[in-house]
Amino acid sequence: MATSPHAIHPAAAIGYQANADRYVLGRPDYPPEIAAWLHDTLELQPGKTVIDLGAGTGKFTPRLLATGANVIAVEPVAQMLQKLAAALPQVKTLADTAEAFTLPDESVDAVVCAQSFHWFATRQALTEIQRVLKPGGKLGLVWNMRDARVGWVRKLNQIVDRHEGGAPRFYTGVWRRLFPYQGFAKLQEQTFMLGHTGTVEDVIYNRVRSTSFIAALPPQQQEQVIEQVRHLVATEEELRGKETVTVPYQTMAYFTTKT
């Protein structure tokens, strides 16, 4: 989640430090197909070592642990790393950034970035990832994104996106400009579907509050955003009057191999 070896993007530094709890509540899990993708495509299994880069509070980390691989969680935001360490004490944690790992050359079999690569999509980061990967090692990039093909989801995105400012986002595709990248094979892509079911408070309001640039807004502005979302919920037929809803997501999974 950093943009240089010494700095975390302000939206991440402010927003994620202040809203680690809401991040846990509001974020969706990952589809069951991810298990096969990690095993078959990234070749994770007992005896392998994988970095969970930009691990946050550890939302994706259990998926990596389930492969039997040794997991190293890397997260520079202290409040998030503390939550991960408390929940998953068996995981080695590092407060490194993507551009500066305190790990030896060619020491890991895979690096996985779940909901994070857009924060540090730089040549320096890719070069550092190459350095720690063994020859033939895998780089996996995973994002959950709300399915904007659904009308009310598209309206929700519009409310949120108008506040993004200069914060890096997956959907802009800016991160893809790094590829193809020398020393890595062609980027491969798969898409899975996911439904995030829960209370409106968690899967809509807390999800919006956990968005980095929303969380970084002054409290009054944050509440103005939530009021706009409440109006959307009150006026959309699929949401009105419901305590529990399902938010549709697409999970985008990419990988490349160190050549």
C-alpha atoms as a PDB file:
ATOM      1  CA  MET A   1       0.000   0.000   0.000  1.00  0.00           C
ATOM      2  CA  ALA A   2       2.973   2.307  -0.399  1.00  0.00           C
ATOM      3  CA  THR A   3       4.277   4.482  -3.202  1.00  0.00           C
ATOM      4  CA  SER A   4       7.913   4.722  -2.124  1.00  0.00           C
ATOM      5  CA  PRO A   5      10.170   2.869   0.313  1.00  0.00           C
ATOM      6  CA  HIS A   6       9.540   5.574   2.911  1.00  0.00           C
ATOM      7  CA  ALA A   7       5.975   6.764   2.284  1.00  0.00           C
ATOM      8  CA  ILE A   8       2.496   5.296   2.327  1.00  0.00           C
ATOM      9  CA  HIS A   9      -0.065   6.960   0.053  1.00  0.00           C
ATOM     10  CA  PRO A  10      -1.950   9.540   2.186  1.00  0.00           C
ATOM     11  CA  ALA A  11      -5.348   7.977   1.438  1.00  0.00           C
ATOM     12  CA  ALA A  12      -4.080   4.639   2.750  1.00  0.00           C
ATOM     13  CA  ALA A  13      -2.128   6.080   5.660  1.00  0.00           C
ATOM     14  CA  ILE A  14      -5.046   8.131   6.986  1.00  0.00           C
ATOM     15  CA  GLY A  15      -8.009   6.051   5.880  1.00  0.00           C
ATOM     16  CA  TYR A  16      -6.793   2.582   6.806  1.00  0.00           C
ATOM     17  CA  GLN A  17      -5.275   3.647  10.129  1.00  0.00           C
ATOM     18  CA  ALA A  18      -8.600   5.159  11.170  1.00  0.00           C
ATOM     19  CA  ASN A  19     -10.876   2.417   9.852  1.00  0.00           C
ATOM     20  CA  ALA A  20      -9.213  -0.950  10.365  1.00  0.00           C
ATOM     21  CA  ASP A  21     -12.302  -2.232  12.238  1.00  0.00           C
ATOM     22  CA  ARG A  22     -14.721  -1.220   9.482  1.00  0.00           C
ATOM     23  CA  TYR A  23     -12.398  -2.750   6.895  1.00  0.00           C
ATOM     24  CA  VAL A  24     -12.864  -6.107   8.611  1.00  0.00           C
ATOM     25  CA  LEU A  25     -16.659  -5.715   8.798  1.00  0.00           C
ATOM     26  CA  GLY A  26     -17.341  -4.241   5.377  1.00  0.00           C
ATOM     27  CA  ARG A  27     -15.089  -6.128   3.000  1.00  0.00           C
ATOM     28  CA  PRO A  28     -16.325  -9.257   1.201  1.00  0.00           C
ATOM     29  CA  ASP A  29     -14.557 -12.595   1.375  1.00  0.00           C
ATOM     30  CA  TYR A  30     -13.382 -14.379  -1.784  1.00  0.00           C
ATOM     31  CA  PRO A  31     -15.125 -16.984  -3.966  1.00  0.00           C
ATOM     32  CA  PRO A  32     -14.412 -20.688  -3.346  1.00  0.00           C
ATOM     33  CA  GLU A  33     -12.822 -20.965  -6.817  1.00  0.00           C
ATOM     34  CA  ILE A  34      -9.867 -18.980  -5.488  1.00  0.00           C
ATOM     35  CA  ALA A  35      -8.695 -22.102  -3.620  1.00  0.00           C
ATOM     36  CA  ALA A  36      -8.181 -24.016  -6.877  1.00  0.00           C
ATOM     37  CA  TRP A  37      -6.584 -20.960  -8.522  1.00  0.00           C
ATOM     38  CA  LEU A  38      -4.032 -20.694  -5.715  1.00  0.00           C
ATOM     39  CA  HIS A  39      -3.228 -24.411  -5.871  1.00  0.00           C
ATOM     40  CA  ASP A  40      -3.333 -25.067  -9.599  1.00  0.00           C
ATOM     41  CA  THR A  41      -2.255 -21.736 -11.084  1.00  0.00           C
ATOM     42  CA  LEU A  42       0.054 -20.278  -8.443  1.00  0.00           C
ATOM     43  CA  GLU A  43       1.188 -23.785  -7.422  1.00  0.00           C
ATOM     44  CA  LEU A  44       0.919 -23.100  -3.687  1.00  0.00           C
ATOM     45  CA  GLN A  45       1.256 -26.164  -1.484  1.00  0.00           C
ATOM     46  CA  PRO A  46       3.134 -27.400   1.592  1.00  0.00           C
ATOM     47  CA  GLY A  47       6.833 -26.629   1.296  1.00  0.00           C
ATOM     48  CA  LYS A  48       6.274 -23.390  -0.660  1.00  0.00           C
ATOM     49  CA  THR A  49       6.633 -19.867   0.719  1.00  0.00           C
ATOM     50  CA  VAL A  50       4.303 -17.030  -0.307  1.00  0.00           C
ATOM     51  CA  ILE A  51       4.239 -13.312   0.521  1.00  0.00           C
ATOM     52  CA  ASP A  52       0.819 -11.762   1.190  1.00  0.00           C
ATOM     53  CA  LEU A  53       1.800  -8.273   0.006  1.00  0.00           C
ATOM     54  CA  GLY A  54      -0.342  -5.398   1.240  1.00  0.00           C
ATOM     55  CA  ALA A  55      -1.995  -7.933   3.534  1.00  0.00           C
ATOM     56  CA  GLY A  56      -4.080  -5.373   5.428  1.00  0.00           C
ATOM     57  CA  THR A  57      -5.980  -6.948   8.320  1.00  0.00           C
ATOM     58  CA  GLY A  58      -5.503 -10.426   6.838  1.00  0.00           C
ATOM     59  CA  LYS A  59      -8.702 -10.753   4.836  1.00  0.00           C
ATOM     60  CA  PHE A  60      -7.002 -12.904   2.186  1.00  0.00           C
ATOM     61  CA  THR A  61      -4.347 -14.509   4.406  1.00  0.00           C
ATOM     62  CA  PRO A  62      -6.468 -17.546   5.462  1.00  0.00           C
ATOM     63  CA  ARG A  63      -6.845 -18.458   1.774  1.00  0.00           C
ATOM     64  CA  LEU A  64      -3.064 -18.648   1.535  1.00  0.00           C
ATOM     65  CA  LEU A  65      -2.726 -20.584   4.787  1.00  0.00           C
ATOM     66  CA  ALA A  66      -5.261 -23.126   3.515  1.00  0.00           C
ATOM     67  CA  THR A  67      -2.835 -24.115   0.718  1.00  0.00           C
ATOM     68  CA  GLY A  68      -0.372 -25.389   3.316  1.00  0.00           C
ATOM     69  CA  ALA A  69       2.281 -22.915   2.169  1.00  0.00           C
ATOM     70  CA  ASN A  70       4.390 -20.873   4.577  1.00  0.00           C
ATOM     71  CA  VAL A  71       2.886 -17.344   4.604  1.00  0.00           C
ATOM     72  CA  ILE A  72       4.697 -14.046   5.189  1.00  0.00           C
ATOM     73  CA  ALA A  73       2.317 -11.093   5.585  1.00  0.00           C
ATOM     74  CA  VAL A  74       3.731  -7.720   4.519  1.00  0.00           C
ATOM     75  CA  GLU A  75       1.753  -4.603   5.514  1.00  0.00           C
ATOM     76  CA  PRO A  76       3.120  -1.096   6.261  1.00  0.00           C
ATOM     77  CA  VAL A  77       0.010   0.281   8.014  1.00  0.00           C
ATOM     78  CA  ALA A  78       0.643  -0.534  11.676  1.00  0.00           C
ATOM     79  CA  GLN A  79      -3.012  -0.633  12.788  1.00  0.00           C
ATOM     80  CA  MET A  80      -3.894  -3.176  10.111  1.00  0.00           C
ATOM     81  CA  LEU A  81      -0.826  -5.324  10.711  1.00  0.00           C
ATOM     82  CA  GLN A  82      -1.632  -5.450  14.434  1.00  0.00           C
ATOM     83  CA  LYS A  83      -5.093  -6.838  13.689  1.00  0.00           C
ATOM     84  CA  LEU A  84      -3.643  -9.452  11.352  1.00  0.00           C
ATOM     85  CA  ALA A  85      -1.021 -10.526  13.905  1.00  0.00           C
ATOM     86  CA  ALA A  86      -3.637 -10.820  16.653  1.00  0.00           C
ATOM     87  CA  ALA A  87      -6.004 -12.889  14.487  1.00  0.00           C
ATOM     88  CA  LEU A  88      -3.329 -15.068  12.834  1.00  0.00           C
ATOM     89  CA  PRO A  89      -0.392 -15.412  15.240  1.00  0.00           C
ATOM     90  CA  GLN A  90       1.055 -18.289  13.219  1.00  0.00           C
ATOM     91  CA  VAL A  91       1.832 -15.922  10.311  1.00  0.00           C
ATOM     92  CA  LYS A  92       5.185 -14.145  10.086  1.00  0.00           C
ATOM     93  CA  THR A  93       4.564 -10.397   9.707  1.00  0.00           C
ATOM     94  CA  LEU A  94       6.754  -7.671   8.222  1.00  0.00           C
ATOM     95  CA  ALA A  95       6.089  -3.916   8.190  1.00  0.00           C
ATOM     96  CA  ASP A  96       7.889  -3.595   4.839  1.00  0.00           C
ATOM     97  CA  THR A  97       6.773  -1.723   1.744  1.00  0.00           C
ATOM     98  CA  ALA A  98       6.545  -3.192  -1.745  1.00  0.00           C
ATOM     99  CA  GLU A  99       9.707  -1.388  -2.834  1.00  0.00           C
ATOM    100  CA  ALA A 100      11.883  -2.577   0.048  1.00  0.00           C
ATOM    101  CA  PHE A 101      11.603  -6.126   1.405  1.00  0.00           C
ATOM    102  CA  THR A 102      13.801  -7.254   4.291  1.00  0.00           C
ATOM    103  CA  LEU A 103      14.049 -10.663   2.628  1.00  0.00           C
ATOM    104  CA  PRO A 104      16.904 -12.365   0.735  1.00  0.00           C
ATOM    105  CA  ASP A 105      17.104 -12.682  -3.051  1.00  0.00           C
ATOM    106  CA  GLU A 106      15.143 -15.577  -4.597  1.00  0.00           C
ATOM    107  CA  SER A 107      13.701 -16.596  -1.231  1.00  0.00           C
ATOM    108  CA  VAL A 108       9.961 -17.034  -1.979  1.00  0.00           C
ATOM    109  CA  ASP A 109       7.902 -19.084  -4.428  1.00  0.00           C
ATOM    110  CA  ALA A 110       5.053 -16.605  -4.894  1.00  0.00           C
ATOM    111  CA  VAL A 111       3.897 -13.092  -4.119  1.00  0.00           C
ATOM    112  CA  VAL A 112       0.147 -12.443  -3.904  1.00  0.00           C
ATOM    113  CA  CYS A 113      -1.421  -8.974  -3.797  1.00  0.00           C
ATOM    114  CA  ALA A 114      -5.109  -9.053  -2.840  1.00  0.00           C
ATOM    115  CA  GLN A 115      -6.882  -5.683  -3.089  1.00  0.00           C
ATOM    116  CA  SER A 116      -3.502  -3.974  -2.947  1.00  0.00           C
ATOM    117  CA  PHE A 117      -1.359  -3.864  -6.095  1.00  0.00           C
ATOM    118  CA  HIS A 118      -2.856  -0.599  -7.380  1.00  0.00           C
ATOM    119  CA  TRP A 119      -1.364   1.165  -4.318  1.00  0.00           C
ATOM    120  CA  PHE A 120       2.213   0.334  -5.290  1.00  0.00           C
ATOM    121  CA  ALA A 121       2.066  -0.277  -9.044  1.00  0.00           C
ATOM    122  CA  THR A 122       5.558   1.014  -9.800  1.00  0.00           C
ATOM    123  CA  ARG A 123       8.596  -0.305 -11.624  1.00  0.00           C
ATOM    124  CA  GLN A 124      10.490  -0.226  -8.329  1.00  0.00           C
ATOM    125  CA  ALA A 125       7.938  -2.534  -6.718  1.00  0.00           C
ATOM    126  CA  LEU A 126       7.942  -5.002  -9.605  1.00  0.00           C
ATOM    127  CA  THR A 127      11.747  -5.061  -9.593  1.00  0.00           C
ATOM    128  CA  GLU A 128      11.736  -5.776  -5.843  1.00  0.00           C
ATOM    129  CA  ILE A 129       9.117  -8.514  -6.296  1.00  0.00           C
ATOM    130  CA  GLN A 130      11.327 -10.042  -9.006  1.00  0.00           C
ATOM    131  CA  ARG A 131      14.299  -9.921  -6.652  1.00  0.00           C
ATOM    132  CA  VAL A 132      12.679 -12.014  -3.920  1.00  0.00           C
ATOM    133  CA  LEU A 133      10.933 -14.480  -6.265  1.00  0.00           C
ATOM    134  CA  LYS A 134      12.681 -17.705  -7.164  1.00  0.00           C
ATOM    135  CA  PRO A 135      13.065 -18.444 -10.907  1.00  0.00           C
ATOM    136  CA  GLY A 136       9.663 -19.667 -12.072  1.00  0.00           C
ATOM    137  CA  GLY A 137       7.990 -18.001  -9.098  1.00  0.00           C
ATOM    138  CA  LYS A 138       4.468 -16.594  -9.441  1.00  0.00           C
ATOM    139  CA  LEU A 139       3.035 -13.120  -8.957  1.00  0.00           C
ATOM    140  CA  GLY A 140      -0.724 -13.178  -8.313  1.00  0.00           C
ATOM    141  CA  LEU A 141      -2.967 -10.104  -8.308  1.00  0.00           C
ATOM    142  CA  VAL A 142      -6.528 -10.352  -6.975  1.00  0.00           C
ATOM    143  CA  TRP A 143      -9.320  -7.792  -6.718  1.00  0.00           C
ATOM    144  CA  ASN A 144     -12.947  -7.959  -5.646  1.00  0.00           C
ATOM    145  CA  MET A 145     -14.966  -5.238  -7.335  1.00  0.00           C
ATOM    146  CA  ARG A 146     -18.665  -4.487  -7.142  1.00  0.00           C
ATOM    147  CA  ASP A 147     -20.475  -5.631 -10.271  1.00  0.00           C
ATOM    148  CA  ALA A 148     -21.460  -2.329 -11.884  1.00  0.00           C
ATOM    149  CA  ARG A 149     -23.596  -4.132 -14.471  1.00  0.00           C
ATOM    150  CA  VAL A 150     -26.276  -4.043 -11.752  1.00  0.00           C
ATOM    151  CA  GLY A 151     -28.088  -0.695 -11.762  1.00  0.00           C
ATOM    152  CA  TRP A 152     -28.086   0.125  -8.041  1.00  0.00           C
ATOM    153  CA  VAL A 153     -24.450  -0.948  -7.740  1.00  0.00           C
ATOM    154  CA  ARG A 154     -23.522   1.440 -10.524  1.00  0.00           C
ATOM    155  CA  LYS A 155     -25.297   4.274  -8.662  1.00  0.00           C
ATOM    156  CA  LEU A 156     -23.484   3.337  -5.442  1.00  0.00           C
ATOM    157  CA  ASN A 157     -20.151   3.427  -7.252  1.00  0.00           C
ATOM    158  CA  GLN A 158     -20.952   6.872  -8.614  1.00  0.00           C
ATOM    159  CA  ILE A 159     -21.572   8.206  -5.094  1.00  0.00           C
ATOM    160  CA  VAL A 160     -18.272   6.780  -3.862  1.00  0.00           C
ATOM    161  CA  ASP A 161     -16.083   7.478  -6.901  1.00  0.00           C
ATOM    162  CA  ARG A 162     -16.685  11.226  -6.980  1.00  0.00           C
ATOM    163  CA  HIS A 163     -14.569  11.484  -3.815  1.00  0.00           C
ATOM    164  CA  GLU A 164     -11.589   9.434  -4.992  1.00  0.00           C
ATOM    165  CA  GLY A 165      -9.373  12.421  -5.848  1.00  0.00           C
ATOM    166  CA  GLY A 166      -5.957  11.090  -6.799  1.00  0.00           C
ATOM    167  CA  ALA A 167      -6.220   7.812  -4.893  1.00  0.00           C
ATOM    168  CA  PRO A 168      -5.088   4.800  -6.960  1.00  0.00           C
ATOM    169  CA  ARG A 169      -7.965   2.526  -7.991  1.00  0.00           C
ATOM    170  CA  PHE A 170      -8.106  -0.866  -9.663  1.00  0.00           C
ATOM    171  CA  TYR A 171     -10.881   0.029 -12.111  1.00  0.00           C
ATOM    172  CA  THR A 172      -8.901   2.834 -13.796  1.00  0.00           C
ATOM    173  CA  GLY A 173      -6.490   0.272 -15.217  1.00  0.00           C
ATOM    174  CA  VAL A 174      -3.464   2.507 -14.553  1.00  0.00           C
ATOM    175  CA  TRP A 175      -1.712  -0.417 -12.832  1.00  0.00           C
ATOM    176  CA  ARG A 176      -1.867  -2.432 -16.083  1.00  0.00           C
ATOM    177  CA  ARG A 177       0.435   0.005 -17.852  1.00  0.00           C
ATOM    178  CA  LEU A 178       3.370  -1.730 -16.161  1.00  0.00           C
ATOM    179  CA  PHE A 179       2.724  -4.892 -18.154  1.00  0.00           C
ATOM    180  CA  PRO A 180       4.263  -6.509 -20.078  1.00  0.00           C
ATOM    181  CA  TYR A 181       7.299  -6.179 -17.808  1.00  0.00           C
ATOM    182  CA  GLN A 182      10.763  -7.513 -18.575  1.00  0.00           C
ATOM    183  CA  GLY A 183      11.497 -10.639 -16.590  1.00  0.00           C
ATOM    184  CA  PHE A 184       7.827 -11.609 -16.258  1.00  0.00           C
ATOM    185  CA  ALA A 185       5.721 -13.685 -18.642  1.00  0.00           C
ATOM    186  CA  LYS A 186       2.476 -12.395 -20.155  1.00  0.00           C
ATOM    187  CA  LEU A 187      -0.190 -11.512 -17.597  1.00  0.00           C
ATOM    188  CA  GLN A 188      -3.028 -14.087 -17.520  1.00  0.00           C
ATOM    189  CA  GLU A 189      -6.554 -13.300 -16.272  1.00  0.00           C
ATOM    190  CA  GLN A 190      -9.526 -15.168 -14.792  1.00  0.00           C
ATOM    191  CA  THR A 191     -12.864 -13.873 -13.482  1.00  0.00           C
ATOM    192  CA  PHE A 192     -15.044 -15.378 -10.743  1.00  0.00           C
ATOM    193  CA  MET A 193     -18.411 -14.264  -9.392  1.00  0.00           C
ATOM    194  CA  LEU A 194     -19.152 -13.564  -5.748  1.00  0.00           C
ATOM    195  CA  GLY A 195     -22.162 -12.481  -3.689  1.00  0.00           C
ATOM    196  CA  HIS A 196     -21.471 -10.643  -0.433  1.00  0.00           C
ATOM    197  CA  THR A 197     -24.459 -11.209   1.835  1.00  0.00           C
ATOM    198  CA  GLY A 198     -24.917  -9.458   5.167  1.00  0.00           C
ATOM    199  CA  THR A 199     -26.638  -6.619   6.941  1.00  0.00           C
ATOM    200  CA  VAL A 200     -27.047  -3.360   5.040  1.00  0.00           C
ATOM    201  CA  GLU A 201     -24.968  -1.715   7.771  1.00  0.00           C
ATOM    202  CA  ASP A 202     -21.991  -3.964   7.082  1.00  0.00           C
ATOM    203  CA  VAL A 203     -22.018  -4.805   3.380  1.00  0.00           C
ATOM    204  CA  ILE A 204     -23.026  -1.342   2.179  1.00  0.00           C
ATOM    205  CA  TYR A 205     -22.434   1.358   4.825  1.00  0.00           C
ATOM    206  CA  ASN A 206     -19.326  -0.115   6.465  1.00  0.00           C
ATOM    207  CA  ARG A 207     -17.964  -1.094   3.053  1.00  0.00           C
ATOM    208  CA  VAL A 208     -18.261   2.521   1.904  1.00  0.00           C
ATOM    209  CA  ARG A 209     -16.754   3.794   5.175  1.00  0.00           C
ATOM    210  CA  SER A 210     -13.811   1.394   4.752  1.00  0.00           C
ATOM    211  CA  THR A 211     -12.910   2.882   1.353  1.00  0.00           C
ATOM    212  CA  SER A 212      -9.560   4.573   1.929  1.00  0.00           C
ATOM    213  CA  PHE A 213     -10.379   7.986   0.506  1.00  0.00           C
ATOM    214  CA  ILE A 214     -13.810   8.074   2.172  1.00  0.00           C
ATOM    215  CA  ALA A 215     -12.236   7.188   5.518  1.00  0.00           C
ATOM    216  CA  ALA A 216      -9.685   9.973   4.995  1.00  0.00           C
ATOM    217  CA  LEU A 217     -12.412  12.630   4.657  1.00  0.00           C
ATOM    218  CA  PRO A 218     -13.327  14.864   7.619  1.00  0.00           C
ATOM    219  CA  PRO A 219     -16.110  13.230   9.715  1.00  0.00           C
ATOM    220  CA  GLN A 220     -18.789  15.642   8.504  1.00  0.00           C
ATOM    221  CA  GLN A 221     -18.027  14.887   4.859  1.00  0.00           C
ATOM    222  CA  GLN A 222     -17.985  11.155   5.578  1.00  0.00           C
ATOM    223  CA  GLU A 223     -21.480  11.391   7.016  1.00  0.00           C
ATOM    224  CA  GLN A 224     -22.664  13.377   3.989  1.00  0.00           C
ATOM    225  CA  VAL A 225     -21.498  10.494   1.781  1.00  0.00           C
ATOM    226  CA  ILE A 226     -23.283   7.961   3.993  1.00  0.00           C
ATOM    227  CA  GLU A 227     -26.470  10.053   3.868  1.00  0.00           C
ATOM    228  CA  GLN A 228     -26.346   9.878   0.061  1.00  0.00           C
ATOM    229  CA  VAL A 229     -25.956   6.114   0.301  1.00  0.00           C
ATOM    230  CA  ARG A 230     -28.874   5.901   2.767  1.00  0.00           C
ATOM    231  CA  HIS A 231     -31.031   7.784   0.258  1.00  0.00           C
ATOM    232  CA  LEU A 232     -30.020   5.288  -2.440  1.00  0.00           C
ATOM    233  CA  VAL A 233     -30.919   2.351  -0.186  1.00  0.00           C
ATOM    234  CA  ALA A 234     -34.279   3.947   0.676  1.00  0.00           C
ATOM    235  CA  THR A 235     -35.234   4.558  -2.956  1.00  0.00           C
ATOM    236  CA  GLU A 236     -33.967   1.447  -4.765  1.00  0.00           C
ATOM    237  CA  GLU A 237     -36.576  -1.316  -4.949  1.00  0.00           C
ATOM    238  CA  GLU A 238     -33.960  -4.070  -4.531  1.00  0.00           C
ATOM    239  CA  LEU A 239     -32.723  -2.513  -1.274  1.00  0.00           C
ATOM    240  CA  ARG A 240     -35.643  -0.617   0.267  1.00  0.00           C
ATOM    241  CA  GLY A 241     -36.767  -1.939   3.647  1.00  0.00           C
ATOM    242  CA  LYS A 242     -34.336  -4.859   3.709  1.00  0.00           C
ATOM    243  CA  GLU A 243     -32.089  -5.602   6.678  1.00  0.00           C
ATOM    244  CA  THR A 244     -30.004  -8.157   4.756  1.00  0.00           C
ATOM    245  CA  VAL A 245     -28.855  -7.771   1.165  1.00  0.00           C
ATOM    246  CA  THR A 246     -26.446  -9.392  -1.286  1.00  0.00           C
ATOM    247  CA  VAL A 247     -23.931  -7.163  -3.054  1.00  0.00           C
ATOM    248  CA  PRO A 248     -22.762  -8.743  -6.342  1.00  0.00           C
ATOM    249  CA  TYR A 249     -19.011  -8.766  -6.966  1.00  0.00           C
ATOM    250  CA  GLN A 250     -16.655  -9.856  -9.688  1.00  0.00           C
ATOM    251  CA  THR A 251     -13.332 -11.284  -8.521  1.00  0.00           C
ATOM    252  CA  MET A 252     -10.536 -10.549 -10.993  1.00  0.00           C
ATOM    253  CA  ALA A 253      -7.490 -12.817 -10.650  1.00  0.00           C
ATOM    254  CA  TYR A 254      -4.273 -12.231 -12.612  1.00  0.00           C
ATOM    255  CA  PHE A 255      -0.941 -14.009 -12.570  1.00  0.00           C
ATOM    256  CA  THR A 256       2.437 -13.929 -14.212  1.00  0.00           C
ATOM    257  CA  THR A 257       5.600 -16.003 -13.869  1.00  0.00           C
ATOM    258  CA  LYS A 258       9.165 -14.870 -13.276  1.00  0.00           C
ATOM    259  CA  THR A 259      11.056 -15.988 -16.382  1.00  0.00           C
END
